[in-house]
Structure formats: structure tokens, C-alpha cells
PDB file of all heavy atoms in Angstrom:
ATOM      1  N   HIS A   1       0.830  -1.205   0.000  1.00  0.00           N
ATOM      2  CA  HIS A   1       0.000   0.000   0.000  1.00  0.00           C
ATOM      3  C   HIS A   1       0.862   1.252   0.000  1.00  0.00           C
ATOM      4  O   HIS A   1       2.017   1.236   0.449  1.00  0.00           O
ATOM      5  CB  HIS A   1      -0.923   0.010   1.223  1.00  0.00           C
ATOM      6  CG  HIS A   1      -1.877  -1.140   1.261  1.00  0.00           C
ATOM      7  ND1 HIS A   1      -2.869  -1.309   0.315  1.00  0.00           N
ATOM      8  CD2 HIS A   1      -1.980  -2.189   2.113  1.00  0.00           C
ATOM      9  CE1 HIS A   1      -3.555  -2.404   0.602  1.00  0.00           C
ATOM     10  NE2 HIS A   1      -3.030  -2.970   1.674  1.00  0.00           N
ATOM     11  N   GLU A   2       0.262   2.345  -0.489  1.00  0.00           N
ATOM     12  CA  GLU A   2       0.942   3.623  -0.487  1.00  0.00           C
ATOM     13  C   GLU A   2       0.167   4.626   0.345  1.00  0.00           C
ATOM     14  O   GLU A   2      -1.038   4.465   0.572  1.00  0.00           O
ATOM     15  CB  GLU A   2       1.135   4.159  -1.903  1.00  0.00           C
ATOM     16  CG  GLU A   2      -0.089   4.811  -2.514  1.00  0.00           C
ATOM     17  CD  GLU A   2      -0.976   3.839  -3.244  1.00  0.00           C
ATOM     18  OE1 GLU A   2      -0.921   2.636  -2.945  1.00  0.00           O
ATOM     19  OE2 GLU A   2      -1.749   4.287  -4.121  1.00  0.00           O
ATOM     20  N   ARG A   3       0.867   5.652   0.802  1.00  0.00           N
ATOM     21  CA  ARG A   3       0.227   6.715   1.576  1.00  0.00           C
ATOM     22  C   ARG A   3       0.618   8.051   0.963  1.00  0.00           C
ATOM     23  O   ARG A   3       1.802   8.393   0.901  1.00  0.00           O
ATOM     24  CB  ARG A   3       0.684   6.652   3.040  1.00  0.00           C
ATOM     25  CG  ARG A   3      -0.001   7.696   3.932  1.00  0.00           C
ATOM     26  CD  ARG A   3       0.422   7.546   5.385  1.00  0.00           C
ATOM     27  NE  ARG A   3       1.787   8.006   5.618  1.00  0.00           N
ATOM     28  CZ  ARG A   3       2.844   7.220   5.736  1.00  0.00           C
ATOM     29  NH1 ARG A   3       2.709   5.913   5.616  1.00  0.00           N
ATOM     30  NH2 ARG A   3       4.052   7.724   5.953  1.00  0.00           N
ATOM     31  N   PRO A   4      -0.361   8.832   0.491  1.00  0.00           N
ATOM     32  CA  PRO A   4      -0.026  10.127  -0.108  1.00  0.00           C
ATOM     33  C   PRO A   4       0.323  11.154   0.964  1.00  0.00           C
ATOM     34  O   PRO A   4      -0.296  11.200   2.031  1.00  0.00           O
ATOM     35  CB  PRO A   4      -1.310  10.510  -0.845  1.00  0.00           C
ATOM     36  CG  PRO A   4      -2.401   9.816  -0.092  1.00  0.00           C
ATOM     37  CD  PRO A   4      -1.809   8.527   0.412  1.00  0.00           C
ATOM     38  N   ILE A   5       1.315  11.960   0.681  1.00  0.00           N
ATOM     39  CA  ILE A   5       1.732  13.041   1.568  1.00  0.00           C
ATOM     40  C   ILE A   5       1.578  14.345   0.794  1.00  0.00           C
ATOM     41  O   ILE A   5       2.349  14.635  -0.120  1.00  0.00           O
ATOM     42  CB  ILE A   5       3.188  12.875   2.032  1.00  0.00           C
ATOM     43  CG1 ILE A   5       3.406  11.487   2.658  1.00  0.00           C
ATOM     44  CG2 ILE A   5       3.555  13.978   3.008  1.00  0.00           C
ATOM     45  CD1 ILE A   5       2.610  11.237   3.906  1.00  0.00           C
ATOM     46  N   ALA A   6       0.551  15.110   1.132  1.00  0.00           N
ATOM     47  CA  ALA A   6       0.282  16.367   0.433  1.00  0.00           C
ATOM     48  C   ALA A   6       1.138  17.484   1.021  1.00  0.00           C
ATOM     49  O   ALA A   6       1.378  17.537   2.227  1.00  0.00           O
ATOM     50  CB  ALA A   6      -1.194  16.726   0.527  1.00  0.00           C
ATOM     51  N   SER A   7       1.597  18.376   0.165  1.00  0.00           N
ATOM     52  CA  SER A   7       2.433  19.486   0.618  1.00  0.00           C
ATOM     53  C   SER A   7       1.629  20.746   0.874  1.00  0.00           C
ATOM     54  O   SER A   7       2.179  21.743   1.358  1.00  0.00           O
ATOM     55  CB  SER A   7       3.515  19.776  -0.426  1.00  0.00           C
ATOM     56  OG  SER A   7       2.932  20.111  -1.677  1.00  0.00           O
ATOM     57  N   GLY A   8       0.355  20.726   0.522  1.00  0.00           N
ATOM     58  CA  GLY A   8      -0.483  21.903   0.724  1.00  0.00           C
ATOM     59  C   GLY A   8      -1.932  21.519   0.936  1.00  0.00           C
ATOM     60  O   GLY A   8      -2.241  20.415   1.399  1.00  0.00           O
ATOM     61  N   ALA A   9      -2.826  22.425   0.592  1.00  0.00           N
ATOM     62  CA  ALA A   9      -4.254  22.192   0.789  1.00  0.00           C
ATOM     63  C   ALA A   9      -4.743  21.070  -0.127  1.00  0.00           C
ATOM     64  O   ALA A   9      -4.304  20.927  -1.263  1.00  0.00           O
ATOM     65  CB  ALA A   9      -5.036  23.469   0.518  1.00  0.00           C
ATOM     66  N   VAL A  10      -5.676  20.264   0.386  1.00  0.00           N
ATOM     67  CA  VAL A  10      -6.248  19.144  -0.360  1.00  0.00           C
ATOM     68  C   VAL A  10      -7.727  19.400  -0.598  1.00  0.00           C
ATOM     69  O   VAL A  10      -8.472  19.703   0.332  1.00  0.00           O
ATOM     70  CB  VAL A  10      -6.063  17.816   0.403  1.00  0.00           C
ATOM     71  CG1 VAL A  10      -6.748  16.670  -0.336  1.00  0.00           C
ATOM     72  CG2 VAL A  10      -4.588  17.511   0.602  1.00  0.00           C
ATOM     73  N   GLY A  11      -8.138  19.294  -1.856  1.00  0.00           N
ATOM     74  CA  GLY A  11      -9.542  19.462  -2.205  1.00  0.00           C
ATOM     75  C   GLY A  11     -10.205  18.122  -2.484  1.00  0.00           C
ATOM     76  O   GLY A  11      -9.566  17.070  -2.423  1.00  0.00           O
ATOM     77  N   ARG A  12     -11.479  18.175  -2.815  1.00  0.00           N
ATOM     78  CA  ARG A  12     -12.244  16.955  -3.103  1.00  0.00           C
ATOM     79  C   ARG A  12     -13.054  17.122  -4.373  1.00  0.00           C
ATOM     80  O   ARG A  12     -13.755  18.123  -4.542  1.00  0.00           O
ATOM     81  CB  ARG A  12     -13.200  16.625  -1.948  1.00  0.00           C
ATOM     82  CG  ARG A  12     -12.523  16.115  -0.695  1.00  0.00           C
ATOM     83  CD  ARG A  12     -13.543  15.829   0.402  1.00  0.00           C
ATOM     84  NE  ARG A  12     -12.919  15.272   1.591  1.00  0.00           N
ATOM     85  CZ  ARG A  12     -12.811  13.973   1.858  1.00  0.00           C
ATOM     86  NH1 ARG A  12     -13.318  13.092   1.005  1.00  0.00           N
ATOM     87  NH2 ARG A  12     -12.216  13.550   2.959  1.00  0.00           N
ATOM     88  N   LEU A  13     -12.941  16.135  -5.265  1.00  0.00           N
ATOM     89  CA  LEU A  13     -13.831  16.065  -6.413  1.00  0.00           C
ATOM     90  C   LEU A  13     -15.065  15.270  -6.014  1.00  0.00           C
ATOM     91  O   LEU A  13     -15.095  14.591  -4.982  1.00  0.00           O
ATOM     92  CB  LEU A  13     -13.111  15.414  -7.602  1.00  0.00           C
ATOM     93  CG  LEU A  13     -11.829  16.112  -8.071  1.00  0.00           C
ATOM     94  CD1 LEU A  13     -11.304  15.457  -9.340  1.00  0.00           C
ATOM     95  CD2 LEU A  13     -12.047  17.599  -8.298  1.00  0.00           C
ATOM     96  N   THR A  14     -16.093  15.347  -6.837  1.00  0.00           N
ATOM     97  CA  THR A  14     -17.363  14.710  -6.474  1.00  0.00           C
ATOM     98  C   THR A  14     -17.725  13.508  -7.337  1.00  0.00           C
ATOM     99  O   THR A  14     -18.496  12.648  -6.907  1.00  0.00           O
ATOM    100  CB  THR A  14     -18.513  15.730  -6.571  1.00  0.00           C
ATOM    101  OG1 THR A  14     -18.617  16.215  -7.913  1.00  0.00           O
ATOM    102  CG2 THR A  14     -18.274  16.900  -5.626  1.00  0.00           C
ATOM    103  N   GLN A  15     -17.165  13.416  -8.540  1.00  0.00           N
ATOM    104  CA  GLN A  15     -17.534  12.341  -9.456  1.00  0.00           C
ATOM    105  C   GLN A  15     -16.586  11.153  -9.299  1.00  0.00           C
ATOM    106  O   GLN A  15     -15.416  11.323  -8.971  1.00  0.00           O
ATOM    107  CB  GLN A  15     -17.528  12.852 -10.894  1.00  0.00           C
ATOM    108  CG  GLN A  15     -18.495  13.996 -11.129  1.00  0.00           C
ATOM    109  CD  GLN A  15     -19.925  13.633 -10.745  1.00  0.00           C
ATOM    110  OE1 GLN A  15     -20.383  12.521 -11.009  1.00  0.00           O
ATOM    111  NE2 GLN A  15     -20.620  14.576 -10.119  1.00  0.00           N
ATOM    112  N   PRO A  16     -17.065   9.922  -9.552  1.00  0.00           N
ATOM    113  CA  PRO A  16     -16.291   8.741  -9.166  1.00  0.00           C
ATOM    114  C   PRO A  16     -15.242   8.278 -10.167  1.00  0.00           C
ATOM    115  O   PRO A  16     -15.422   8.353 -11.380  1.00  0.00           O
ATOM    116  CB  PRO A  16     -17.377   7.671  -9.014  1.00  0.00           C
ATOM    117  CG  PRO A  16     -18.425   8.064 -10.015  1.00  0.00           C
ATOM    118  CD  PRO A  16     -18.439   9.576  -9.999  1.00  0.00           C
ATOM    119  N   LEU A  17     -14.161   7.778  -9.598  1.00  0.00           N
ATOM    120  CA  LEU A  17     -13.189   6.963 -10.324  1.00  0.00           C
ATOM    121  C   LEU A  17     -13.674   5.520 -10.203  1.00  0.00           C
ATOM    122  O   LEU A  17     -13.957   5.048  -9.103  1.00  0.00           O
ATOM    123  CB  LEU A  17     -11.808   7.116  -9.687  1.00  0.00           C
ATOM    124  CG  LEU A  17     -10.671   6.255 -10.261  1.00  0.00           C
ATOM    125  CD1 LEU A  17     -10.347   6.702 -11.675  1.00  0.00           C
ATOM    126  CD2 LEU A  17      -9.443   6.342  -9.366  1.00  0.00           C
ATOM    127  N   MET A  18     -13.789   4.813 -11.319  1.00  0.00           N
ATOM    128  CA  MET A  18     -14.308   3.451 -11.311  1.00  0.00           C
ATOM    129  C   MET A  18     -13.163   2.456 -11.089  1.00  0.00           C
ATOM    130  O   MET A  18     -12.038   2.665 -11.537  1.00  0.00           O
ATOM    131  CB  MET A  18     -15.025   3.148 -12.619  1.00  0.00           C
ATOM    132  CG  MET A  18     -16.045   4.205 -13.035  1.00  0.00           C
ATOM    133  SD  MET A  18     -17.276   4.566 -11.740  1.00  0.00           S
ATOM    134  CE  MET A  18     -18.181   3.007 -11.733  1.00  0.00           C
ATOM    135  N   HIS A  19     -13.499   1.338 -10.414  1.00  0.00           N
ATOM    136  CA  HIS A  19     -12.457   0.393 -10.009  1.00  0.00           C
ATOM    137  C   HIS A  19     -13.019  -1.025  -9.998  1.00  0.00           C
ATOM    138  O   HIS A  19     -13.968  -1.311  -9.270  1.00  0.00           O
ATOM    139  CB  HIS A  19     -11.960   0.775  -8.611  1.00  0.00           C
ATOM    140  CG  HIS A  19     -10.887  -0.122  -8.070  1.00  0.00           C
ATOM    141  ND1 HIS A  19     -10.769  -0.393  -6.724  1.00  0.00           N
ATOM    142  CD2 HIS A  19      -9.891  -0.811  -8.690  1.00  0.00           C
ATOM    143  CE1 HIS A  19      -9.741  -1.198  -6.531  1.00  0.00           C
ATOM    144  NE2 HIS A  19      -9.191  -1.468  -7.700  1.00  0.00           N
ATOM    145  N   GLU A  20     -12.428  -1.896 -10.803  1.00  0.00           N
ATOM    146  CA  GLU A  20     -12.775  -3.313 -10.767  1.00  0.00           C
ATOM    147  C   GLU A  20     -11.817  -3.987  -9.782  1.00  0.00           C
ATOM    148  O   GLU A  20     -10.773  -4.510 -10.158  1.00  0.00           O
ATOM    149  CB  GLU A  20     -12.653  -3.953 -12.147  1.00  0.00           C
ATOM    150  CG  GLU A  20     -13.132  -5.397 -12.182  1.00  0.00           C
ATOM    151  CD  GLU A  20     -12.889  -6.054 -13.537  1.00  0.00           C
ATOM    152  OE1 GLU A  20     -11.723  -6.055 -14.004  1.00  0.00           O
ATOM    153  OE2 GLU A  20     -13.862  -6.543 -14.122  1.00  0.00           O
ATOM    154  N   SER A  21     -12.178  -3.975  -8.511  1.00  0.00           N
ATOM    155  CA  SER A  21     -11.270  -4.450  -7.480  1.00  0.00           C
ATOM    156  C   SER A  21     -11.053  -5.957  -7.545  1.00  0.00           C
ATOM    157  O   SER A  21      -9.911  -6.438  -7.543  1.00  0.00           O
ATOM    158  CB  SER A  21     -11.806  -4.058  -6.099  1.00  0.00           C
ATOM    159  OG  SER A  21     -10.904  -4.430  -5.095  1.00  0.00           O
ATOM    160  N   PHE A  22     -12.149  -6.719  -7.572  1.00  0.00           N
ATOM    161  CA  PHE A  22     -12.088  -8.180  -7.675  1.00  0.00           C
ATOM    162  C   PHE A  22     -13.117  -8.625  -8.701  1.00  0.00           C
ATOM    163  O   PHE A  22     -14.313  -8.438  -8.490  1.00  0.00           O
ATOM    164  CB  PHE A  22     -12.393  -8.843  -6.332  1.00  0.00           C
ATOM    165  CG  PHE A  22     -11.450  -8.473  -5.221  1.00  0.00           C
ATOM    166  CD1 PHE A  22     -11.802  -7.535  -4.267  1.00  0.00           C
ATOM    167  CD2 PHE A  22     -10.203  -9.067  -5.134  1.00  0.00           C
ATOM    168  CE1 PHE A  22     -10.930  -7.193  -3.247  1.00  0.00           C
ATOM    169  CE2 PHE A  22      -9.324  -8.737  -4.116  1.00  0.00           C
ATOM    170  CZ  PHE A  22      -9.692  -7.797  -3.174  1.00  0.00           C
ATOM    171  N   ARG A  23     -12.656  -9.231  -9.795  1.00  0.00           N
ATOM    172  CA  ARG A  23     -13.604  -9.618 -10.838  1.00  0.00           C
ATOM    173  C   ARG A  23     -14.337 -10.920 -10.506  1.00  0.00           C
ATOM    174  O   ARG A  23     -15.456 -11.142 -10.941  1.00  0.00           O
ATOM    175  CB  ARG A  23     -12.905  -9.741 -12.185  1.00  0.00           C
ATOM    176  CG  ARG A  23     -11.869 -10.835 -12.276  1.00  0.00           C
ATOM    177  CD  ARG A  23     -11.220 -10.893 -13.648  1.00  0.00           C
ATOM    178  NE  ARG A  23     -10.194 -11.904 -13.727  1.00  0.00           N
ATOM    179  CZ  ARG A  23      -8.931 -11.721 -13.398  1.00  0.00           C
ATOM    180  NH1 ARG A  23      -8.545 -10.530 -12.979  1.00  0.00           N
ATOM    181  NH2 ARG A  23      -8.054 -12.704 -13.480  1.00  0.00           N
ATOM    182  N   ASP A  24     -13.695 -11.829  -9.739  1.00  0.00           N
ATOM    183  CA  ASP A  24     -14.332 -13.099  -9.393  1.00  0.00           C
ATOM    184  C   ASP A  24     -13.697 -13.644  -8.118  1.00  0.00           C
ATOM    185  O   ASP A  24     -12.737 -13.078  -7.573  1.00  0.00           O
ATOM    186  CB  ASP A  24     -14.218 -14.122 -10.527  1.00  0.00           C
ATOM    187  CG  ASP A  24     -12.778 -14.329 -11.001  1.00  0.00           C
ATOM    188  OD1 ASP A  24     -11.852 -14.251 -10.160  1.00  0.00           O
ATOM    189  OD2 ASP A  24     -12.567 -14.558 -12.205  1.00  0.00           O
ATOM    190  N   LEU A  25     -14.239 -14.762  -7.632  1.00  0.00           N
ATOM    191  CA  LEU A  25     -13.783 -15.317  -6.364  1.00  0.00           C
ATOM    192  C   LEU A  25     -12.353 -15.845  -6.457  1.00  0.00           C
ATOM    193  O   LEU A  25     -11.604 -15.817  -5.473  1.00  0.00           O
ATOM    194  CB  LEU A  25     -14.732 -16.427  -5.902  1.00  0.00           C
ATOM    195  CG  LEU A  25     -14.620 -16.839  -4.422  1.00  0.00           C
ATOM    196  CD1 LEU A  25     -14.817 -15.639  -3.511  1.00  0.00           C
ATOM    197  CD2 LEU A  25     -15.630 -17.934  -4.103  1.00  0.00           C
TER     198      LEU A  25
END
């Protein structure tokens, strides 16, 4: 895993990034 380290202010977008985490068992 990674951990982001921001150097300044962090904003938020509202629309989703899609992710196929696990396709099957």
C-alpha cells in the first residue's frame, strides 16, 4: 500500500473513479 503526503491544501472532487477491485472469487 501507499500513503499520499500532500504538501499543501487538499480538495475533493465529487464524481467517481471506477475500479474493478475483484472480478471473481
